[in-house]
Amino acid sequence: MNRWRTPALVALWLQVAALFGVASYALTSGHFGFNAWITGGEAFLAALVLWWWTQLFGRLSRGQGVPPTDGVLRSFAVLFPILTIFRACLWGLLLLGVLGGAAPEANSVALTALFTLWGAAIFAGNAMYGHTLNVALEPGNLLARTRLLEWLNVSAALSLGMTVLNLVPIKGYSTEPANQMSQLVYGVSGVLDVVATVLALLALLPRRPEKGSEQ
């Protein structure tokens, strides 16, 4: 068994807990306002999707397949497109607002970087989830497994970029000044996301043959 499997599972479950924590923090710190429900709802949906994905990962990292009627697989297949649509709609609405002049004093380069990385992260996450389904249903499909590994790699890089951008507020765009608690909550969640994704990638890499195993 791959030595990275257990660390990956630990990091993934910690990330699930962190996302639930982000949802709770967003609601309470935002006094249950509209924006708080949007932010908290996105984090809650992400936590649920990752909850199901982690269970599937536990089987895939053992080389096991998942039957189409499996409850975890079916729940994941239904929920992750909803999360993608929610994120894409939020991204699109905010982008339209910026293009319409909602943040005239914000740095255009910073806004371009933010929306480019954010959009790419949404796309990469959806691709990763989709290829997870393919590998779960066909564990022997090497092409699907290779694509999953590629998108995990891309997702890790984009998660790192999004973590940095979330911790550094864009003047003229951020709705509120950053405080230490917000930076801690979102920073810990972002770092866990990066670490968990990298470890999951390592755990799913094919094992190299041990020395002396081949004649």
Protein backbone atom coordinates (compact mmCIF):
# COMPACT_ATOMS: atom_id res chain seq x y z
CA MET A 1 0.00 0.00 0.00
CA ASN A 2 1.22 3.50 -0.86
CA ARG A 3 2.87 5.17 2.14
CA TRP A 4 1.14 8.48 1.35
CA ARG A 5 -2.36 7.05 1.70
CA THR A 6 -2.74 7.51 5.46
CA PRO A 7 -1.29 11.06 5.55
CA ALA A 8 -3.56 11.96 2.63
CA LEU A 9 -6.66 10.65 4.40
CA VAL A 10 -5.74 12.54 7.58
CA ALA A 11 -5.23 15.76 5.64
CA LEU A 12 -8.45 15.30 3.69
CA TRP A 13 -10.57 14.74 6.79
CA LEU A 14 -8.93 17.75 8.43
CA GLN A 15 -9.85 19.76 5.34
CA VAL A 16 -13.46 18.58 5.62
CA ALA A 17 -13.56 19.78 9.23
CA ALA A 18 -11.88 23.06 8.23
CA LEU A 19 -14.50 23.72 5.55
CA PHE A 20 -17.32 23.18 8.01
CA GLY A 21 -15.46 25.58 10.28
CA VAL A 22 -15.24 28.15 7.48
CA ALA A 23 -18.98 27.85 6.89
CA SER A 24 -19.70 28.43 10.57
CA TYR A 25 -17.26 31.34 10.78
CA ALA A 26 -18.67 32.99 7.66
CA LEU A 27 -22.20 32.88 9.04
CA THR A 28 -21.37 34.10 12.53
CA SER A 29 -18.87 36.77 11.52
CA GLY A 30 -21.27 38.03 8.85
CA HIS A 31 -24.15 38.11 11.34
CA PHE A 32 -26.15 35.75 9.13
CA GLY A 33 -26.51 38.37 6.41
CA PHE A 34 -26.98 37.67 2.70
CA ASN A 35 -23.26 37.62 1.87
CA ALA A 36 -22.61 35.43 4.91
CA TRP A 37 -25.13 32.86 3.68
CA ILE A 38 -23.53 32.86 0.22
CA THR A 39 -20.02 32.37 1.58
CA GLY A 40 -21.11 29.92 4.26
CA GLY A 41 -23.28 27.98 1.84
CA GLU A 42 -20.44 27.57 -0.64
CA ALA A 43 -18.11 26.33 2.10
CA PHE A 44 -20.77 23.93 3.42
CA LEU A 45 -21.40 22.47 -0.04
CA ALA A 46 -17.65 22.13 -0.59
CA ALA A 47 -17.33 20.28 2.71
CA LEU A 48 -20.07 17.82 1.75
CA VAL A 49 -18.53 17.17 -1.67
CA LEU A 50 -15.12 16.64 -0.12
CA TRP A 51 -16.71 14.35 2.48
CA TRP A 52 -17.94 12.03 -0.30
CA TRP A 53 -14.77 12.46 -2.38
CA THR A 54 -12.58 11.43 0.55
CA GLN A 55 -14.56 8.22 0.98
CA LEU A 56 -14.14 7.44 -2.71
CA PHE A 57 -10.45 8.28 -2.48
CA GLY A 58 -10.08 5.78 0.36
CA ARG A 59 -11.25 3.02 -1.96
CA LEU A 60 -9.41 4.19 -5.05
CA SER A 61 -6.13 4.40 -3.14
CA ARG A 62 -6.57 0.69 -2.36
CA GLY A 63 -7.13 -0.07 -6.02
CA GLN A 64 -10.80 -0.85 -5.43
CA GLY A 65 -13.63 0.00 -7.79
CA VAL A 66 -17.05 1.32 -6.81
CA PRO A 67 -20.33 -0.11 -8.16
CA PRO A 68 -22.67 2.39 -9.89
CA THR A 69 -25.36 1.74 -7.26
CA ASP A 70 -23.08 2.70 -4.34
CA GLY A 71 -24.65 5.37 -2.14
CA VAL A 72 -21.46 7.37 -1.70
CA LEU A 73 -20.81 7.43 -5.45
CA ARG A 74 -24.36 8.45 -6.28
CA SER A 75 -24.40 11.20 -3.64
CA PHE A 76 -21.09 12.54 -4.92
CA ALA A 77 -22.24 12.39 -8.56
CA VAL A 78 -25.33 14.46 -7.71
CA LEU A 79 -23.71 17.01 -5.41
CA PHE A 80 -20.46 18.00 -7.11
CA PRO A 81 -22.16 19.44 -10.24
CA ILE A 82 -24.36 21.54 -7.95
CA LEU A 83 -21.25 22.90 -6.25
CA THR A 84 -19.66 23.67 -9.62
CA ILE A 85 -22.78 25.48 -10.87
CA PHE A 86 -23.03 27.46 -7.62
CA ARG A 87 -19.39 28.53 -7.86
CA ALA A 88 -19.63 29.34 -11.57
CA CYS A 89 -22.73 31.48 -11.04
CA LEU A 90 -21.07 33.34 -8.18
CA TRP A 91 -17.94 33.87 -10.28
CA GLY A 92 -19.96 35.10 -13.25
CA LEU A 93 -22.11 37.51 -11.23
CA LEU A 94 -19.11 39.06 -9.50
CA LEU A 95 -17.24 39.32 -12.80
CA LEU A 96 -20.20 41.11 -14.40
CA GLY A 97 -20.28 43.47 -11.45
CA VAL A 98 -16.59 44.29 -11.80
CA LEU A 99 -16.91 44.78 -15.56
CA GLY A 100 -19.87 47.04 -14.87
CA GLY A 101 -17.76 49.32 -12.71
CA ALA A 102 -18.54 47.94 -9.25
CA ALA A 103 -14.90 48.30 -8.15
CA PRO A 104 -13.46 51.32 -10.02
CA GLU A 105 -10.65 51.91 -7.51
CA ALA A 106 -9.40 48.31 -7.44
CA ASN A 107 -6.17 47.36 -9.15
CA SER A 108 -7.06 45.89 -12.55
CA VAL A 109 -4.07 43.54 -12.60
CA ALA A 110 -5.00 42.11 -9.19
CA LEU A 111 -8.63 41.68 -10.26
CA THR A 112 -7.57 39.95 -13.47
CA ALA A 113 -5.35 37.56 -11.53
CA LEU A 114 -8.12 36.86 -9.03
CA PHE A 115 -10.84 36.06 -11.55
CA THR A 116 -8.49 34.11 -13.82
CA LEU A 117 -7.23 31.88 -11.00
CA TRP A 118 -10.69 31.55 -9.49
CA GLY A 119 -12.30 30.54 -12.80
CA ALA A 120 -9.49 28.09 -13.54
CA ALA A 121 -9.83 26.59 -10.04
CA ILE A 122 -13.56 26.02 -10.57
CA PHE A 123 -12.92 24.32 -13.90
CA ALA A 124 -10.06 22.21 -12.54
CA GLY A 125 -12.09 21.12 -9.53
CA ASN A 126 -14.97 20.00 -11.71
CA ALA A 127 -12.61 18.10 -14.01
CA MET A 128 -10.96 16.40 -11.05
CA TYR A 129 -14.33 15.32 -9.65
CA GLY A 130 -15.49 14.06 -13.05
CA HIS A 131 -12.39 11.95 -13.59
CA THR A 132 -12.77 10.60 -10.06
CA LEU A 133 -16.11 9.15 -11.11
CA ASN A 134 -14.51 7.57 -14.19
CA VAL A 135 -11.74 5.95 -12.14
CA ALA A 136 -14.19 4.79 -9.46
CA LEU A 137 -16.34 3.03 -12.07
CA GLU A 138 -13.38 1.72 -14.09
CA PRO A 139 -10.36 1.33 -11.79
CA GLY A 140 -8.42 -0.36 -14.58
CA ASN A 141 -8.84 2.59 -16.96
CA LEU A 142 -5.27 3.94 -17.09
CA LEU A 143 -6.22 6.97 -19.19
CA ALA A 144 -8.85 8.09 -16.69
CA ARG A 145 -6.41 7.57 -13.81
CA THR A 146 -3.74 9.59 -15.62
CA ARG A 147 -6.22 12.42 -16.23
CA LEU A 148 -7.20 12.37 -12.55
CA LEU A 149 -3.57 12.68 -11.51
CA GLU A 150 -3.05 15.55 -13.95
CA TRP A 151 -6.04 17.48 -12.63
CA LEU A 152 -5.01 16.88 -9.03
CA ASN A 153 -1.66 18.43 -9.91
CA VAL A 154 -3.32 21.43 -11.55
CA SER A 155 -5.78 21.83 -8.66
CA ALA A 156 -2.96 21.88 -6.11
CA ALA A 157 -1.20 24.71 -7.93
CA LEU A 158 -4.39 26.72 -8.33
CA SER A 159 -5.32 26.17 -4.68
CA LEU A 160 -2.00 27.64 -3.66
CA GLY A 161 -2.61 30.69 -5.81
CA MET A 162 -6.14 31.17 -4.46
CA THR A 163 -4.90 30.85 -0.89
CA VAL A 164 -2.43 33.68 -1.42
CA LEU A 165 -5.04 35.90 -3.07
CA ASN A 166 -7.58 35.23 -0.33
CA LEU A 167 -5.09 36.26 2.34
CA VAL A 168 -4.06 39.49 0.60
CA PRO A 169 -7.08 41.82 0.26
CA ILE A 170 -7.47 43.80 -2.95
CA LYS A 171 -7.86 47.46 -2.08
CA GLY A 172 -11.07 48.85 -3.50
CA TYR A 173 -12.62 45.42 -4.00
CA SER A 174 -12.66 43.51 -0.71
CA THR A 175 -15.88 44.13 1.15
CA GLU A 176 -14.19 44.44 4.53
CA PRO A 177 -10.68 44.91 5.82
CA ALA A 178 -8.83 41.71 6.57
CA ASN A 179 -8.48 40.82 10.23
CA GLN A 180 -6.29 38.28 11.94
CA MET A 181 -9.12 35.85 12.62
CA SER A 182 -10.27 35.85 8.99
CA GLN A 183 -6.72 35.38 7.78
CA LEU A 184 -6.26 32.50 10.21
CA VAL A 185 -9.51 30.74 9.25
CA TYR A 186 -9.12 31.09 5.50
CA GLY A 187 -5.36 30.61 5.64
CA VAL A 188 -5.57 27.31 7.52
CA SER A 189 -8.30 26.06 5.18
CA GLY A 190 -6.28 27.06 2.12
CA VAL A 191 -3.08 25.44 3.34
CA LEU A 192 -4.94 22.24 4.20
CA ASP A 193 -6.47 22.25 0.73
CA VAL A 194 -3.06 22.45 -0.91
CA VAL A 195 -1.47 19.85 1.39
CA ALA A 196 -4.39 17.41 1.11
CA THR A 197 -4.46 17.68 -2.69
CA VAL A 198 -0.71 17.08 -3.01
CA LEU A 199 -0.84 14.10 -0.64
CA ALA A 200 -3.82 12.64 -2.50
CA LEU A 201 -1.85 12.97 -5.73
CA LEU A 202 1.13 11.17 -4.22
CA ALA A 203 -1.09 8.44 -2.81
CA LEU A 204 -2.62 7.71 -6.21
CA LEU A 205 0.66 7.63 -8.11
CA PRO A 206 1.53 4.12 -9.37
CA ARG A 207 4.03 2.36 -7.14
CA ARG A 208 7.50 1.87 -8.51
CA PRO A 209 8.75 -1.73 -8.53
CA GLU A 210 11.06 -2.43 -5.62
CA LYS A 211 14.69 -3.13 -6.33
CA GLY A 212 15.36 -6.80 -6.82
CA SER A 213 11.71 -7.57 -7.60
CA GLU A 214 12.54 -8.06 -11.27
CA GLN A 215 15.08 -10.49 -12.54
